[in-house]
Amino acid sequence: MTFPPFETGPADGTHDGGGRRHGEYKVPGGKLVVVDFDVVGGHFAHVSVSGDFFLEPDEALLDINRALTGLPEDTAAAEISAAVTEALTEDAVLFGFSADAVATAVRRALAKATGWGDHHWNVIAPSVLPTHVNVALDEVLTEEVGAGRRNPTLRFWDWKEPSVVIGSFQSVRNEIHPDGVARHGITVVRRISGGGAMFMEAGNCITYSLYLPQTLVDGISFADSYAFLDAWVMAALKKLGIAAFYVPLNDIATEQGKIGGAAQKRLANGGMLHHVTMSYDIDADKMVEVLRIGKEKLSDKGTTSAKKRVDPLRRQTGLARAEIVDAMMEVFSGRYGATPSVITEAELAAAQDRVAAKFGTGEWLHRVP
């Protein structure tokens, strides 16, 4: 069966939008979606969707092409996805892709959405910094990427003082055992992203932050963006002999248990933070003395013990923490052509100022008592 592109605009095929547009999107764990079209009079024309996906019935491809044809070129990703969904019949089955994937391919064709290869990536190796500074740097570097003053960057954390980093919306009172914090000399810090608390001692976990433009996840749902941004991590863990997978929304696990969790924050200037902490050698007894981990939080995890939820990478790999971090940096650099970078003096100074004004203050820490 031949699927002719649908046309709008002049019958002679002349285009006033200039040039054929071509966009591709590989669904994480799924198939490739390709979209080709022209822009005529500010609208999509001569649309052709293709790829190695599966679709039933065959005629559904015509419905997708028809849904895209005539849409204004400034249509938002969510509206493109909705148009495709509405055009499909109830018996249509999309396997290996989705209406959101089509929308992302369209936005990439318009240079509204970007792929990994559209950016020059940097990697910052671990350097020991106070936990307050690490948290402040996440805000500063995300702003720098959003403003276009820094390339998209992967940064690995390092620290010395034992710490708990709580999510932006967590209650200090509900998350922290004050007696355990005092007994073990724990520094408590609040970060800008949501999610749960992180118990961090020197060398006991691996934490990294990705600073990226939001164009990289344009058209990708909030939930799907987690696995999309951590695909390289799964490849690195696989290289180390660990078969890891995502447990929605933001947990990274193996058959032996949870090994990590992710969190995100999107800024108004177009920058985005995605960061992950993975257990390496957790002192589970100390963790439950410091953190309040209630029965409700564990109710959907299939376990009654917080200790059993965490299965450190040291036990699963037998490798030194530095070896695992090196493997991660190697896979990321090889996959995306990333080059080494460092925190600049200006960025560090800005982070230290941010600690004094925000992250080191009781007002910020206790903004949710």
Protein backbone atom coordinates (compact mmCIF):
# COMPACT_ATOMS: atom_id res chain seq x y z
CA MET A 1 0.00 0.00 0.00
CA THR A 2 1.25 3.47 -0.84
CA PHE A 3 0.74 6.32 1.56
CA PRO A 4 0.73 9.63 -0.33
CA PRO A 5 1.44 12.76 1.69
CA PHE A 6 -1.54 15.03 2.21
CA GLU A 7 -1.22 18.47 0.74
CA THR A 8 -2.39 21.93 1.57
CA GLY A 9 -1.43 25.12 -0.20
CA PRO A 10 -0.58 25.61 -3.86
CA ALA A 11 -1.32 22.68 -6.14
CA ASP A 12 1.96 23.22 -8.02
CA GLY A 13 3.92 22.34 -4.87
CA THR A 14 5.63 25.69 -4.40
CA HIS A 15 6.38 26.44 -0.78
CA ASP A 16 6.68 29.75 0.93
CA GLY A 17 8.12 28.23 4.12
CA GLY A 18 11.51 27.45 2.61
CA GLY A 19 12.92 23.92 2.48
CA ARG A 20 11.73 20.46 3.41
CA ARG A 21 11.70 19.87 7.16
CA HIS A 22 13.00 16.59 8.56
CA GLY A 23 12.82 15.42 12.18
CA GLU A 24 13.71 12.16 13.91
CA TYR A 25 13.04 10.83 17.41
CA LYS A 26 14.13 7.49 18.83
CA VAL A 27 11.75 6.42 21.59
CA PRO A 28 13.73 5.18 24.62
CA GLY A 29 13.35 1.42 24.52
CA GLY A 30 11.14 1.79 21.45
CA LYS A 31 11.26 2.63 17.78
CA LEU A 32 12.38 5.45 15.48
CA VAL A 33 9.82 8.02 14.34
CA VAL A 34 10.62 10.19 11.30
CA VAL A 35 8.58 13.16 10.09
CA ASP A 36 9.05 15.04 6.81
CA PHE A 37 6.96 18.03 5.81
CA ASP A 38 6.94 21.48 4.28
CA VAL A 39 5.69 24.70 5.82
CA VAL A 40 3.27 26.51 3.53
CA GLY A 41 1.68 29.74 4.65
CA GLY A 42 2.78 29.06 8.21
CA HIS A 43 1.13 25.61 8.28
CA PHE A 44 2.33 22.00 7.87
CA ALA A 45 1.95 20.60 4.36
CA HIS A 46 2.98 17.50 2.40
CA VAL A 47 3.34 15.58 5.66
CA SER A 48 4.92 12.13 5.69
CA VAL A 49 5.41 10.13 8.90
CA SER A 50 7.59 7.03 8.73
CA GLY A 51 9.75 4.79 10.90
CA ASP A 52 10.44 1.25 12.08
CA PHE A 53 7.47 1.24 14.45
CA PHE A 54 4.40 -1.01 14.26
CA LEU A 55 0.95 0.39 13.59
CA GLU A 56 -2.47 -1.16 13.10
CA PRO A 57 -4.50 -0.76 11.00
CA ASP A 58 -2.38 0.37 8.06
CA GLU A 59 -4.75 3.23 7.36
CA ALA A 60 -3.87 4.78 10.74
CA LEU A 61 -0.73 6.20 9.15
CA LEU A 62 -2.92 8.21 6.80
CA ASP A 63 -4.88 9.45 9.80
CA ILE A 64 -1.67 10.64 11.47
CA ASN A 65 -0.51 12.44 8.33
CA ARG A 66 -3.92 14.03 7.98
CA ALA A 67 -3.94 15.15 11.62
CA LEU A 68 -0.64 16.99 11.17
CA THR A 69 -1.51 18.56 7.85
CA GLY A 70 -2.69 22.13 8.21
CA LEU A 71 -1.56 22.65 11.80
CA PRO A 72 0.15 26.00 12.42
CA GLU A 73 3.93 25.71 12.65
CA ASP A 74 3.89 27.24 16.14
CA THR A 75 1.61 24.51 17.50
CA ALA A 76 2.84 23.30 20.90
CA ALA A 77 3.99 19.71 21.34
CA ALA A 78 1.03 18.84 23.57
CA GLU A 79 -1.40 20.16 20.95
CA ILE A 80 0.31 18.17 18.18
CA SER A 81 0.05 15.03 20.27
CA ALA A 82 -3.60 15.72 21.03
CA ALA A 83 -4.38 16.22 17.33
CA VAL A 84 -2.80 12.89 16.45
CA THR A 85 -4.63 11.09 19.24
CA GLU A 86 -7.97 12.57 18.25
CA ALA A 87 -7.49 11.52 14.62
CA LEU A 88 -6.88 7.86 15.44
CA THR A 89 -9.75 5.40 15.53
CA GLU A 90 -10.51 3.40 18.68
CA ASP A 91 -9.04 0.23 17.17
CA ALA A 92 -5.70 1.87 16.32
CA VAL A 93 -2.67 0.29 18.02
CA LEU A 94 0.67 2.11 18.19
CA PHE A 95 3.52 -0.20 19.17
CA GLY A 96 7.01 1.16 19.82
CA PHE A 97 5.93 4.80 19.55
CA SER A 98 3.18 7.21 20.56
CA ALA A 99 1.45 10.43 19.63
CA ASP A 100 3.94 12.21 21.92
CA ALA A 101 6.81 10.68 19.92
CA VAL A 102 5.33 12.03 16.69
CA ALA A 103 5.04 15.47 18.29
CA THR A 104 8.67 15.39 19.37
CA ALA A 105 9.81 14.47 15.85
CA VAL A 106 7.77 17.35 14.45
CA ARG A 107 9.23 19.82 16.94
CA ARG A 108 12.73 18.63 16.13
CA ALA A 109 12.06 19.19 12.45
CA LEU A 110 11.20 22.79 13.34
CA ALA A 111 14.32 23.12 15.56
CA LYS A 112 11.98 23.68 18.50
CA ALA A 113 13.11 20.42 20.07
CA THR A 114 16.68 19.16 20.09
CA GLY A 115 18.48 15.84 20.33
CA TRP A 116 21.60 14.91 22.29
CA GLY A 117 23.71 15.30 19.17
CA ASP A 118 22.58 18.89 18.66
CA HIS A 119 24.59 20.04 21.68
CA HIS A 120 28.22 20.11 22.74
CA TRP A 121 28.28 18.38 26.11
CA ASN A 122 30.77 18.86 28.94
CA VAL A 123 31.62 16.57 31.87
CA ILE A 124 32.81 17.81 35.25
CA ALA A 125 34.62 15.13 37.27
CA PRO A 126 34.02 14.84 41.03
CA SER A 127 35.63 17.44 43.28
CA VAL A 128 35.07 17.65 47.04
CA LEU A 129 32.78 20.55 47.97
CA PRO A 130 30.51 21.28 50.94
CA THR A 131 27.04 19.85 50.46
CA HIS A 132 25.49 23.33 50.60
CA VAL A 133 27.75 24.38 47.72
CA ASN A 134 26.87 21.26 45.70
CA VAL A 135 23.18 22.10 46.04
CA ALA A 136 23.75 25.75 45.17
CA LEU A 137 25.80 24.80 42.12
CA ASP A 138 22.83 22.86 40.80
CA GLU A 139 20.82 26.08 40.70
CA VAL A 140 23.67 28.22 39.36
CA LEU A 141 24.76 25.85 36.59
CA THR A 142 21.16 25.18 35.50
CA GLU A 143 20.70 28.93 35.14
CA GLU A 144 23.95 29.22 33.19
CA VAL A 145 22.88 26.52 30.71
CA GLY A 146 19.42 28.06 30.35
CA ALA A 147 21.01 31.44 29.61
CA GLY A 148 23.37 29.92 27.03
CA ARG A 149 26.51 30.84 28.97
CA ARG A 150 27.51 27.21 29.57
CA ASN A 151 27.28 24.10 27.42
CA PRO A 152 24.92 21.39 28.63
CA THR A 153 26.89 19.63 31.33
CA LEU A 154 27.10 16.45 33.39
CA ARG A 155 28.63 17.02 36.85
CA PHE A 156 29.52 14.41 39.45
CA TRP A 157 29.32 15.46 43.09
CA ASP A 158 31.78 14.76 45.90
CA TRP A 159 31.66 15.82 49.57
CA LYS A 160 33.06 14.99 52.99
CA GLU A 161 30.51 15.89 55.65
CA PRO A 162 27.65 13.45 56.34
CA SER A 163 24.49 15.04 55.00
CA VAL A 164 20.83 14.68 54.29
CA VAL A 165 19.53 16.50 51.20
CA ILE A 166 15.75 16.83 51.31
CA GLY A 167 13.43 17.57 48.41
CA SER A 168 12.09 21.04 47.76
CA PHE A 169 8.62 20.23 49.08
CA GLN A 170 9.45 17.90 51.96
CA SER A 171 8.78 18.76 55.59
CA VAL A 172 11.87 18.88 57.79
CA ARG A 173 9.81 17.71 60.76
CA ASN A 174 8.37 14.74 58.88
CA GLU A 175 11.60 13.61 57.20
CA ILE A 176 14.32 14.06 59.83
CA HIS A 177 15.00 12.42 63.20
CA PRO A 178 16.57 15.36 65.09
CA ASP A 179 18.21 13.09 67.67
CA GLY A 180 19.84 10.99 64.97
CA VAL A 181 20.97 14.09 63.07
CA ALA A 182 22.58 15.52 66.22
CA ARG A 183 24.15 12.21 67.28
CA HIS A 184 25.79 11.58 63.92
CA GLY A 185 26.68 15.19 63.08
CA ILE A 186 24.51 15.35 59.96
CA THR A 187 24.25 18.48 57.80
CA VAL A 188 20.67 18.96 56.54
CA VAL A 189 20.22 20.81 53.24
CA ARG A 190 17.19 21.51 51.03
CA ARG A 191 17.59 21.32 47.24
CA ILE A 192 15.57 23.02 44.48
CA SER A 193 14.08 19.83 42.99
CA GLY A 194 11.29 17.70 44.35
CA GLY A 195 11.52 14.07 45.34
CA GLY A 196 12.70 12.35 48.48
CA ALA A 197 15.52 12.68 50.99
CA MET A 198 19.09 11.55 50.25
CA PHE A 199 21.32 10.23 53.05
CA MET A 200 24.89 10.99 52.01
CA GLU A 201 28.15 10.11 53.73
CA ALA A 202 31.56 10.49 52.08
CA GLY A 203 31.89 7.74 49.51
CA ASN A 204 28.57 6.06 50.28
CA CYS A 205 26.72 7.04 47.10
CA ILE A 206 27.17 8.33 43.57
CA THR A 207 25.42 11.59 42.77
CA TYR A 208 25.41 13.37 39.43
CA SER A 209 23.57 16.34 37.94
CA LEU A 210 22.65 16.98 34.32
CA TYR A 211 22.20 20.62 33.30
CA LEU A 212 20.40 20.82 29.97
CA PRO A 213 18.16 23.00 27.81
CA GLN A 214 14.50 22.07 28.03
CA THR A 215 14.45 21.74 24.24
CA LEU A 216 16.03 18.30 24.76
CA VAL A 217 12.83 17.02 26.38
CA ASP A 218 10.37 19.08 24.31
CA GLY A 219 7.37 16.89 23.54
CA ILE A 220 8.47 14.17 25.97
CA SER A 221 6.15 13.66 28.90
CA PHE A 222 7.38 14.52 32.38
CA ALA A 223 7.30 10.84 33.34
CA ASP A 224 9.11 9.64 30.20
CA SER A 225 11.81 12.30 30.52
CA TYR A 226 13.36 10.48 33.47
CA ALA A 227 14.20 7.30 31.57
CA PHE A 228 15.12 9.35 28.49
CA LEU A 229 17.72 11.39 30.36
CA ASP A 230 19.17 8.35 32.12
CA ALA A 231 19.45 6.02 29.12
CA TRP A 232 23.24 6.48 29.18
CA VAL A 233 23.30 5.44 32.84
CA MET A 234 21.52 2.21 32.06
CA ALA A 235 24.11 1.56 29.36
CA ALA A 236 26.94 2.23 31.82
CA LEU A 237 25.43 -0.06 34.45
CA LYS A 238 24.93 -2.76 31.83
CA LYS A 239 28.60 -2.46 30.93
CA LEU A 240 29.36 -3.09 34.60
CA GLY A 241 27.18 -6.19 34.59
CA ILE A 242 24.12 -4.62 36.24
CA ALA A 243 20.71 -5.02 34.61
CA ALA A 244 18.97 -1.86 35.86
CA PHE A 245 15.53 -0.53 35.03
CA TYR A 246 13.26 2.36 35.92
CA VAL A 247 10.43 1.96 38.43
CA PRO A 248 8.03 4.84 37.69
CA LEU A 249 8.23 7.62 38.43
CA ASN A 250 11.83 8.12 39.42
CA ASP A 251 13.43 5.05 41.02
CA ILE A 252 16.30 3.10 39.47
CA ALA A 253 16.34 -0.55 40.52
CA THR A 254 17.63 -4.04 39.82
CA GLU A 255 16.10 -7.40 40.70
CA GLN A 256 17.97 -7.12 44.03
CA GLY A 257 16.34 -3.82 45.03
CA LYS A 258 16.40 -0.06 44.59
CA ILE A 259 19.80 1.45 43.78
CA GLY A 260 18.88 5.07 43.13
CA GLY A 261 16.38 7.84 42.60
CA ALA A 262 16.10 10.85 40.28
CA ALA A 263 14.67 14.35 40.63
CA GLN A 264 14.14 17.29 38.26
CA LYS A 265 13.62 21.04 38.21
CA ARG A 266 12.77 23.22 35.21
CA LEU A 267 13.64 26.92 35.34
CA ALA A 268 11.85 29.82 33.68
CA ASN A 269 14.89 30.69 31.53
CA GLY A 270 14.76 27.33 29.70
CA GLY A 271 17.35 25.50 31.78
CA MET A 272 16.60 22.14 33.36
CA LEU A 273 18.17 20.14 36.18
CA HIS A 274 18.04 16.35 36.29
CA HIS A 275 19.98 14.69 39.05
CA VAL A 276 20.36 11.19 40.45
CA THR A 277 21.74 9.65 43.62
CA MET A 278 22.67 5.96 43.57
CA SER A 279 23.60 3.92 46.63
CA TYR A 280 27.17 2.66 46.74
CA ASP A 281 27.81 1.55 50.33
CA ILE A 282 24.97 2.78 52.54
CA ASP A 283 25.04 2.38 56.32
CA ALA A 284 21.40 1.32 56.49
CA ASP A 285 21.27 1.29 60.29
CA LYS A 286 22.46 4.90 60.48
CA MET A 287 20.13 5.91 57.64
CA VAL A 288 17.01 4.84 59.55
CA GLU A 289 18.29 6.64 62.67
CA VAL A 290 18.55 9.87 60.66
CA LEU A 291 15.54 9.64 58.31
CA ARG A 292 11.89 9.08 59.15
CA ILE A 293 10.77 6.51 56.58
CA GLY A 294 7.15 5.82 57.29
CA LYS A 295 4.93 2.88 56.49
CA GLU A 296 2.92 4.90 53.97
CA LYS A 297 6.03 5.64 51.88
CA LEU A 298 6.87 1.93 51.87
CA SER A 299 3.30 0.80 51.21
CA ASP A 300 3.69 0.54 47.43
CA LYS A 301 7.31 -0.68 47.43
CA GLY A 302 6.63 -4.33 48.22
CA THR A 303 8.73 -4.27 51.40
CA THR A 304 8.25 -3.43 55.06
CA SER A 305 11.85 -2.44 55.72
CA ALA A 306 13.62 0.70 54.54
CA LYS A 307 16.91 -1.17 54.82
CA LYS A 308 15.77 -3.76 52.27
CA ARG A 309 14.85 -1.05 49.74
CA VAL A 310 18.49 -0.09 49.17
CA ASP A 311 20.93 -2.51 47.55
CA PRO A 312 24.28 -0.76 47.10
CA LEU A 313 26.36 -0.86 43.93
CA ARG A 314 29.45 -1.96 45.86
CA ARG A 315 27.85 -5.30 46.69
CA GLN A 316 26.42 -5.77 43.20
CA THR A 317 29.62 -4.92 41.31
CA GLY A 318 32.54 -5.49 43.67
CA LEU A 319 34.09 -2.36 42.14
CA ALA A 320 35.52 0.73 43.78
CA ARG A 321 33.29 3.80 43.67
CA ALA A 322 35.83 5.66 41.52
CA GLU A 323 35.80 2.84 38.95
CA ILE A 324 32.02 3.07 38.62
CA VAL A 325 32.14 6.86 38.22
CA ASP A 326 34.91 6.54 35.61
CA ALA A 327 32.81 4.02 33.68
CA MET A 328 29.83 6.37 33.74
CA MET A 329 31.88 9.31 32.49
CA GLU A 330 33.39 7.13 29.76
CA VAL A 331 30.00 5.91 28.52
CA PHE A 332 28.50 9.42 28.58
CA SER A 333 31.47 10.94 26.77
CA GLY A 334 31.56 8.19 24.15
CA ARG A 335 27.84 8.31 23.57
CA TYR A 336 27.44 12.08 23.26
CA GLY A 337 30.93 13.32 22.36
CA ALA A 338 31.29 15.14 25.68
CA THR A 339 34.53 16.89 26.61
CA PRO A 340 35.99 17.65 30.08
CA SER A 341 35.14 20.88 31.86
CA VAL A 342 35.55 22.45 35.30
CA ILE A 343 33.53 24.67 37.60
CA THR A 344 34.71 28.21 36.86
CA GLU A 345 35.78 30.61 39.58
CA ALA A 346 32.78 32.80 38.76
CA GLU A 347 30.36 29.85 39.02
CA LEU A 348 31.85 28.74 42.35
CA ALA A 349 31.69 32.28 43.71
CA ALA A 350 28.06 32.57 42.60
CA ALA A 351 27.26 29.28 44.36
CA GLN A 352 28.92 30.43 47.56
CA ASP A 353 26.93 33.66 47.42
CA ARG A 354 23.78 31.58 46.91
CA VAL A 355 24.62 29.54 50.01
CA ALA A 356 24.88 32.70 52.09
CA ALA A 357 21.68 34.18 50.71
CA LYS A 358 19.54 31.06 50.36
CA PHE A 359 20.71 27.48 50.78
CA GLY A 360 22.53 28.01 54.07
CA THR A 361 19.67 29.91 55.71
CA GLY A 362 17.10 28.60 58.16
CA GLU A 363 14.41 30.33 56.14
CA TRP A 364 15.11 28.15 53.10
CA LEU A 365 15.68 24.94 55.05
CA HIS A 366 12.46 25.32 57.06
CA ARG A 367 10.28 26.79 54.31
CA VAL A 368 8.24 23.61 54.72
CA PRO A 369 8.46 23.00 58.48
